[in-house]
Amino acid sequence: MVISIRRYIIVALAAVFSGYHLLLATYSFDVPRDKLPYLAAMVLYAIATAISLWPSKNIAMPMWMASFNVAVCIALPLLVTAQLDVHGSVGSDYSTWYPAAVGTLMVITSTRRRHFFAWLGVGFLAVQTAVWAGFGALATLGVVGSLVWVAVSHVLSVSLARIASDARKYVEAEREATAWQAAQEAHLFERQFRLRQTNRMALPMLRQIVSSEGDLTDAQRRECVYLEAAIRDEIRGRKLLNSRVRNQVMRARRRGAIVTLLDEGGLDDLSDAELDRVLGSLAEALKSSTSDRLIARTVPEGSDVAVTVVGLTSSDGGSASALGHEGDDDDDDQVELWLEIPRAGALEL
């Protein structure tokens, strides 16, 4: 079970814990010889804690803030110990509140991903304490505890950052896997749809071929050519096709024209009503055209035009079209029809 704790609860607990050190300092306010440096240390600690715990969008602490916290951690021991008697009752009262305060501030700094600054702060605390009161004071004044807490904070912060990074990678991998699965399912559905459609269109002719053992009449052979072109239209034409367009395409082919339909995705954003209007205009254009070659192509999204229709008339009088040739050399062809079917509005001829 994963337990989620809101950020403001953690910040509130850190603020209460930090305030406890100030309470101890206030309780021991009569111990230091000079009250002003002692008070200055309390104010600096309160300011550093406040800005460190202030709500921010970024978890990582800014460099200037981390540097300021280290400066405060250097100032606190110097300001407080200068007013205490090292040979007196040091450690027997709360006047030495600063080691725990420094440790708390550096834990906050480490938690906000400034580990180097945190170790720099507690490192100075350890050195200053050893110089001022001896190595034995590291344990009695709580410096060792501050070092341990910073170490724990460092380890937890790095671990949590790694866990968060791994979680993002897993989410991204899951998203990519989901997208891949959706694409595969879409491809599978498209293949099955095309196979069913091709089977429906070709099955009657295939049965005729089987029943006649391949001995087809000229009319049946022409129907096979028309059928192959119609199947190709279903693959390349896609949204350019409805019953009216299919009928007019077949009508044009039966009179000897070569018809090419190319849907490159330009109609995907149209509503059903707009698509029906565009296809109706296309069907009318195919019906009224006498061109030897007709090419209908969708226009990419973002254009005011939905479909362009070009009709070409061969200079040889259409004999090449009648033979079913689709030559690449259109230099001798004349444009008989140029039509732009808009996404909305009147037709442009």
Protein backbone atom coordinates (compact mmCIF):
# COMPACT_ATOMS: atom_id res chain seq x y z
CA MET A 1 0.00 0.00 0.00
CA VAL A 2 1.35 3.37 -1.04
CA ILE A 3 0.70 6.21 1.39
CA SER A 4 0.59 9.70 -0.13
CA ILE A 5 1.33 12.67 2.13
CA ARG A 6 0.53 16.14 0.94
CA ARG A 7 3.44 18.52 0.65
CA TYR A 8 2.02 21.16 2.97
CA ILE A 9 1.85 18.60 5.80
CA ILE A 10 5.58 17.88 5.44
CA VAL A 11 6.36 21.61 5.30
CA ALA A 12 4.23 22.22 8.41
CA LEU A 13 6.04 19.48 10.34
CA ALA A 14 9.43 20.89 9.31
CA ALA A 15 8.32 24.36 10.40
CA VAL A 16 7.17 23.07 13.80
CA PHE A 17 10.42 21.17 14.28
CA SER A 18 12.46 24.24 13.32
CA GLY A 19 10.39 26.43 15.61
CA TYR A 20 11.15 24.06 18.48
CA HIS A 21 14.84 25.00 18.23
CA LEU A 22 13.95 28.68 18.48
CA LEU A 23 11.81 27.87 21.52
CA LEU A 24 14.81 26.22 23.20
CA ALA A 25 16.96 29.22 22.35
CA THR A 26 14.38 31.55 23.87
CA TYR A 27 14.20 29.41 27.00
CA SER A 28 18.01 29.74 27.42
CA PHE A 29 18.14 33.42 26.54
CA ASP A 30 19.62 34.32 29.96
CA VAL A 31 22.67 32.04 29.54
CA PRO A 32 24.78 33.92 26.93
CA ARG A 33 26.98 36.80 28.11
CA ASP A 34 25.94 39.13 25.26
CA LYS A 35 22.34 38.82 24.16
CA LEU A 36 22.62 40.67 20.81
CA PRO A 37 24.76 38.09 18.89
CA TYR A 38 22.64 35.33 20.41
CA LEU A 39 19.47 37.07 19.18
CA ALA A 40 21.05 37.68 15.76
CA ALA A 41 21.70 33.93 15.44
CA MET A 42 18.05 33.20 16.22
CA VAL A 43 16.84 35.75 13.65
CA LEU A 44 19.19 34.42 10.95
CA TYR A 45 18.01 30.87 11.58
CA ALA A 46 14.35 31.91 11.45
CA ILE A 47 14.88 33.76 8.14
CA ALA A 48 16.81 30.87 6.56
CA THR A 49 14.17 28.36 7.65
CA ALA A 50 11.31 30.52 6.40
CA ILE A 51 12.74 31.04 2.90
CA SER A 52 13.74 27.36 2.67
CA LEU A 53 10.22 26.18 3.54
CA TRP A 54 8.41 28.81 1.49
CA PRO A 55 6.16 27.14 -1.14
CA SER A 56 7.82 26.82 -4.53
CA LYS A 57 7.05 25.06 -7.79
CA ASN A 58 10.60 23.71 -8.03
CA ILE A 59 11.73 21.08 -5.57
CA ALA A 60 15.40 21.87 -6.18
CA MET A 61 16.56 24.76 -3.99
CA PRO A 62 18.05 27.74 -5.86
CA MET A 63 21.81 28.14 -5.58
CA TRP A 64 21.57 31.51 -3.84
CA MET A 65 19.28 30.05 -1.19
CA ALA A 66 21.54 27.07 -0.56
CA SER A 67 24.55 29.40 -0.28
CA PHE A 68 22.66 31.60 2.17
CA ASN A 69 21.79 28.55 4.29
CA VAL A 70 25.45 27.52 4.44
CA ALA A 71 26.39 31.06 5.45
CA VAL A 72 23.82 30.91 8.24
CA CYS A 73 25.18 27.53 9.37
CA ILE A 74 28.65 29.07 9.56
CA ALA A 75 27.40 32.13 11.43
CA LEU A 76 25.26 30.28 14.01
CA PRO A 77 28.07 28.41 15.83
CA LEU A 78 30.33 31.45 15.78
CA LEU A 79 27.67 33.83 17.13
CA VAL A 80 26.41 31.47 19.84
CA THR A 81 29.65 29.89 21.09
CA ALA A 82 31.29 33.29 21.36
CA GLN A 83 28.83 34.08 24.15
CA LEU A 84 29.15 30.75 26.02
CA ASP A 85 31.76 29.54 28.46
CA VAL A 86 33.33 26.40 27.03
CA HIS A 87 34.53 25.46 30.50
CA GLY A 88 31.11 26.00 32.07
CA SER A 89 28.02 23.88 31.91
CA VAL A 90 28.04 23.52 28.11
CA GLY A 91 25.63 20.77 27.08
CA SER A 92 23.76 20.77 30.38
CA ASP A 93 21.21 23.37 29.22
CA TYR A 94 19.51 24.43 25.97
CA SER A 95 21.92 27.25 25.13
CA THR A 96 23.66 24.93 22.67
CA TRP A 97 20.57 24.63 20.52
CA TYR A 98 22.44 25.54 17.37
CA PRO A 99 23.85 22.04 16.39
CA ALA A 100 20.34 20.62 16.06
CA ALA A 101 19.20 23.81 14.31
CA VAL A 102 22.07 23.58 11.81
CA GLY A 103 21.28 19.90 11.26
CA THR A 104 17.61 20.67 10.63
CA LEU A 105 18.39 23.46 8.16
CA MET A 106 20.89 21.28 6.30
CA VAL A 107 18.39 18.39 6.18
CA ILE A 108 15.93 20.76 4.49
CA THR A 109 18.68 21.83 2.09
CA SER A 110 19.58 18.22 1.30
CA THR A 111 15.93 17.28 0.84
CA ARG A 112 15.68 20.02 -1.74
CA ARG A 113 18.52 18.38 -3.70
CA ARG A 114 21.46 20.54 -2.64
CA HIS A 115 23.46 17.77 -1.04
CA PHE A 116 26.89 19.38 -1.43
CA PHE A 117 25.79 22.50 0.44
CA ALA A 118 24.19 20.38 3.17
CA TRP A 119 27.40 18.45 3.77
CA LEU A 120 29.37 21.71 3.66
CA GLY A 121 27.18 23.18 6.42
CA VAL A 122 27.32 20.22 8.81
CA GLY A 123 31.00 19.74 8.01
CA PHE A 124 31.80 23.25 9.21
CA LEU A 125 29.65 22.60 12.30
CA ALA A 126 31.67 19.48 13.12
CA VAL A 127 35.03 21.22 12.63
CA GLN A 128 34.02 24.29 14.64
CA THR A 129 32.65 22.17 17.49
CA ALA A 130 35.79 20.03 17.64
CA VAL A 131 37.99 23.14 17.72
CA TRP A 132 35.85 24.92 20.31
CA ALA A 133 34.95 22.12 22.72
CA GLY A 134 36.95 19.07 21.60
CA PHE A 135 36.02 15.90 19.76
CA GLY A 136 34.04 14.61 22.70
CA ALA A 137 31.55 17.46 22.22
CA LEU A 138 30.58 16.07 18.80
CA ALA A 139 28.44 13.50 20.58
CA THR A 140 27.36 15.47 23.63
CA LEU A 141 26.23 18.52 21.65
CA GLY A 142 24.35 16.49 19.02
CA VAL A 143 26.67 17.13 16.06
CA VAL A 144 26.86 13.42 15.27
CA GLY A 145 23.08 13.30 15.15
CA SER A 146 23.02 16.20 12.67
CA LEU A 147 25.54 14.38 10.47
CA VAL A 148 23.44 11.22 10.57
CA TRP A 149 20.23 13.05 9.69
CA VAL A 150 21.88 14.75 6.72
CA ALA A 151 23.19 11.38 5.54
CA VAL A 152 19.71 9.84 5.84
CA SER A 153 18.20 12.79 4.00
CA HIS A 154 20.79 12.49 1.23
CA VAL A 155 20.13 8.79 0.74
CA LEU A 156 16.34 9.19 0.80
CA SER A 157 16.41 12.17 -1.54
CA VAL A 158 18.57 10.36 -4.10
CA SER A 159 16.43 7.22 -3.81
CA LEU A 160 13.18 9.11 -4.24
CA ALA A 161 14.58 11.01 -7.22
CA ARG A 162 15.60 7.71 -8.81
CA ILE A 163 12.19 6.20 -8.10
CA ALA A 164 10.47 9.24 -9.63
CA SER A 165 12.71 8.99 -12.70
CA ASP A 166 11.97 5.27 -13.05
CA ALA A 167 8.25 5.94 -12.63
CA ARG A 168 8.35 8.50 -15.45
CA LYS A 169 10.18 6.02 -17.66
CA TYR A 170 7.62 3.32 -16.88
CA VAL A 171 4.75 5.69 -17.65
CA GLU A 172 6.38 6.68 -20.93
CA ALA A 173 7.02 3.04 -21.81
CA GLU A 174 3.40 2.18 -20.98
CA ARG A 175 2.19 5.05 -23.13
CA GLU A 176 4.35 3.91 -26.04
CA ALA A 177 3.20 0.31 -25.58
CA THR A 178 -0.43 1.43 -25.54
CA ALA A 179 0.09 3.50 -28.69
CA TRP A 180 1.86 0.58 -30.39
CA GLN A 181 -0.95 -1.80 -29.43
CA ALA A 182 -3.57 0.66 -30.67
CA ALA A 183 -1.69 1.04 -33.96
CA GLN A 184 -1.42 -2.73 -34.36
CA GLU A 185 -5.12 -3.16 -33.62
CA ALA A 186 -5.93 -0.43 -36.13
CA HIS A 187 -3.75 -2.11 -38.78
CA LEU A 188 -5.36 -5.46 -38.03
CA PHE A 189 -8.85 -3.99 -38.26
CA GLU A 190 -7.95 -2.24 -41.52
CA ARG A 191 -6.55 -5.45 -43.02
CA GLN A 192 -9.59 -7.46 -41.96
CA PHE A 193 -11.92 -4.79 -43.31
CA ARG A 194 -10.09 -4.69 -46.65
CA LEU A 195 -10.05 -8.46 -46.88
CA ARG A 196 -13.79 -8.70 -46.21
CA GLN A 197 -14.47 -5.92 -48.72
CA THR A 198 -12.23 -7.49 -51.37
CA ASN A 199 -13.80 -10.88 -50.77
CA ARG A 200 -17.30 -9.43 -51.20
CA MET A 201 -16.36 -7.66 -54.43
CA ALA A 202 -14.24 -10.39 -55.99
CA LEU A 203 -16.09 -13.53 -54.89
CA PRO A 204 -18.72 -13.55 -57.70
CA MET A 205 -16.06 -13.14 -60.39
CA LEU A 206 -13.82 -15.75 -58.77
CA ARG A 207 -16.72 -18.20 -58.79
CA GLN A 208 -17.22 -17.52 -62.50
CA ILE A 209 -13.54 -18.14 -63.15
CA VAL A 210 -13.69 -21.42 -61.24
CA SER A 211 -16.91 -22.55 -62.91
CA SER A 212 -15.54 -21.76 -66.39
CA GLU A 213 -12.13 -23.23 -65.52
CA GLY A 214 -10.48 -19.95 -66.55
CA ASP A 215 -12.06 -19.83 -70.00
CA LEU A 216 -13.47 -16.29 -69.89
CA THR A 217 -15.12 -14.29 -72.61
CA ASP A 218 -13.77 -10.89 -73.62
CA ALA A 219 -16.55 -9.19 -71.69
CA GLN A 220 -15.70 -11.16 -68.57
CA ARG A 221 -12.02 -10.27 -68.94
CA ARG A 222 -12.91 -6.59 -69.14
CA GLU A 223 -15.04 -7.00 -66.02
CA CYS A 224 -12.00 -8.48 -64.27
CA VAL A 225 -9.99 -5.39 -65.21
CA TYR A 226 -12.76 -3.13 -63.90
CA LEU A 227 -12.99 -5.20 -60.73
CA GLU A 228 -9.24 -4.94 -60.13
CA ALA A 229 -9.42 -1.16 -60.57
CA ALA A 230 -12.40 -0.95 -58.19
CA ILE A 231 -10.49 -2.92 -55.54
CA ARG A 232 -7.53 -0.57 -55.99
CA ASP A 233 -9.89 2.38 -55.51
CA GLU A 234 -11.05 0.96 -52.18
CA ILE A 235 -7.45 0.89 -50.99
CA ARG A 236 -6.23 4.22 -52.38
CA GLY A 237 -9.47 6.15 -52.54
CA ARG A 238 -10.89 5.45 -49.07
CA LYS A 239 -13.03 8.49 -48.13
CA LEU A 240 -13.29 9.63 -51.74
CA LEU A 241 -15.76 6.82 -52.31
CA ASN A 242 -19.48 6.48 -51.77
CA SER A 243 -22.13 4.72 -53.86
CA ARG A 244 -22.56 7.67 -56.28
CA VAL A 245 -18.81 8.09 -56.81
CA ARG A 246 -18.34 4.34 -57.34
CA ASN A 247 -21.08 4.30 -59.98
CA GLN A 248 -19.64 7.29 -61.86
CA VAL A 249 -16.10 5.89 -61.69
CA MET A 250 -17.29 2.59 -63.16
CA ARG A 251 -19.31 4.47 -65.80
CA ALA A 252 -16.20 6.45 -66.82
CA ARG A 253 -14.09 3.31 -67.03
CA ARG A 254 -16.65 1.51 -69.15
CA ARG A 255 -16.46 4.32 -71.70
CA GLY A 256 -12.67 3.88 -71.77
CA ALA A 257 -11.39 6.50 -69.33
CA ILE A 258 -8.63 5.93 -66.80
CA VAL A 259 -9.69 7.05 -63.33
CA THR A 260 -7.32 7.49 -60.39
CA LEU A 261 -8.54 8.25 -56.87
CA LEU A 262 -6.03 9.25 -54.19
CA ASP A 263 -7.08 9.93 -50.61
CA GLU A 264 -4.12 11.21 -48.59
CA GLY A 265 -6.06 12.04 -45.44
CA GLY A 266 -7.32 15.49 -46.35
CA LEU A 267 -10.97 14.63 -45.61
CA ASP A 268 -10.54 13.28 -42.09
CA ASP A 269 -11.61 16.54 -40.44
CA LEU A 270 -14.87 16.90 -42.40
CA SER A 271 -18.24 16.18 -40.87
CA ASP A 272 -20.58 13.65 -42.47
CA ALA A 273 -22.66 16.42 -44.06
CA GLU A 274 -19.59 18.20 -45.47
CA LEU A 275 -18.14 14.92 -46.74
CA ASP A 276 -21.43 14.04 -48.45
CA ARG A 277 -21.46 17.45 -50.15
CA VAL A 278 -17.85 17.06 -51.36
CA LEU A 279 -18.45 13.54 -52.69
CA GLY A 280 -21.66 14.67 -54.38
CA SER A 281 -19.70 17.38 -56.21
CA LEU A 282 -17.07 14.81 -57.19
CA ALA A 283 -19.69 12.44 -58.55
CA GLU A 284 -21.23 15.23 -60.64
CA ALA A 285 -17.81 16.19 -62.01
CA LEU A 286 -17.09 12.59 -63.03
CA LYS A 287 -20.53 12.28 -64.60
CA SER A 288 -20.21 15.41 -66.74
CA SER A 289 -16.58 14.89 -67.80
CA THR A 290 -15.58 13.36 -71.15
CA SER A 291 -11.85 13.26 -70.34
CA ASP A 292 -9.69 10.28 -71.19
CA ARG A 293 -7.95 10.44 -67.81
CA LEU A 294 -9.47 11.62 -64.53
CA ILE A 295 -7.47 12.17 -61.36
CA ALA A 296 -9.12 13.07 -58.04
CA ARG A 297 -6.85 13.83 -55.11
CA THR A 298 -7.51 15.11 -51.60
CA VAL A 299 -5.79 18.29 -50.37
CA PRO A 300 -4.01 18.28 -46.97
CA GLU A 301 -5.82 19.80 -44.00
CA GLY A 302 -5.44 23.55 -43.59
CA SER A 303 -6.40 24.38 -47.17
CA ASP A 304 -9.75 25.84 -48.23
CA VAL A 305 -9.90 23.17 -50.93
CA ALA A 306 -10.94 19.63 -50.05
CA VAL A 307 -10.48 17.79 -53.37
CA THR A 308 -8.93 18.63 -56.73
CA VAL A 309 -10.18 16.95 -59.91
CA VAL A 310 -8.15 17.01 -63.12
CA GLY A 311 -9.42 15.73 -66.47
CA LEU A 312 -6.95 15.14 -69.30
CA THR A 313 -7.74 14.50 -72.95
CA SER A 314 -5.11 12.62 -74.95
CA SER A 315 -3.91 14.07 -78.23
CA ASP A 316 -4.30 10.62 -79.85
CA GLY A 317 -8.05 10.81 -79.41
CA GLY A 318 -8.15 8.49 -76.42
CA SER A 319 -6.75 5.37 -78.07
CA ALA A 320 -4.18 4.95 -75.32
CA SER A 321 -6.88 5.14 -72.70
CA ALA A 322 -8.99 2.63 -74.53
CA LEU A 323 -6.08 0.21 -74.47
CA GLY A 324 -5.67 0.75 -70.75
CA HIS A 325 -2.21 2.38 -70.89
CA GLU A 326 -1.24 4.70 -68.06
CA GLY A 327 1.80 6.38 -69.52
CA ASP A 328 3.91 8.77 -67.45
CA ASP A 329 4.40 11.23 -70.29
CA ASP A 330 1.52 13.72 -70.08
CA ASP A 331 3.20 16.42 -72.19
CA ASP A 332 0.77 15.89 -75.08
CA ASP A 333 -2.35 15.71 -72.89
CA GLN A 334 -4.71 18.66 -72.76
CA VAL A 335 -6.51 19.74 -69.60
CA GLU A 336 -10.22 19.30 -70.20
CA LEU A 337 -11.30 19.68 -66.57
CA TRP A 338 -9.85 21.49 -63.58
CA LEU A 339 -12.04 21.50 -60.51
CA GLU A 340 -11.38 22.49 -56.90
CA ILE A 341 -14.04 21.30 -54.49
CA PRO A 342 -13.91 23.57 -51.42
CA ARG A 343 -14.43 22.43 -47.86
CA ALA A 344 -17.30 24.95 -47.67
CA GLY A 345 -18.96 27.27 -50.15
CA ALA A 346 -19.46 27.23 -53.89
CA LEU A 347 -17.42 25.23 -56.37
CA GLU A 348 -14.50 26.81 -58.21
CA LEU A 349 -14.08 25.73 -61.83
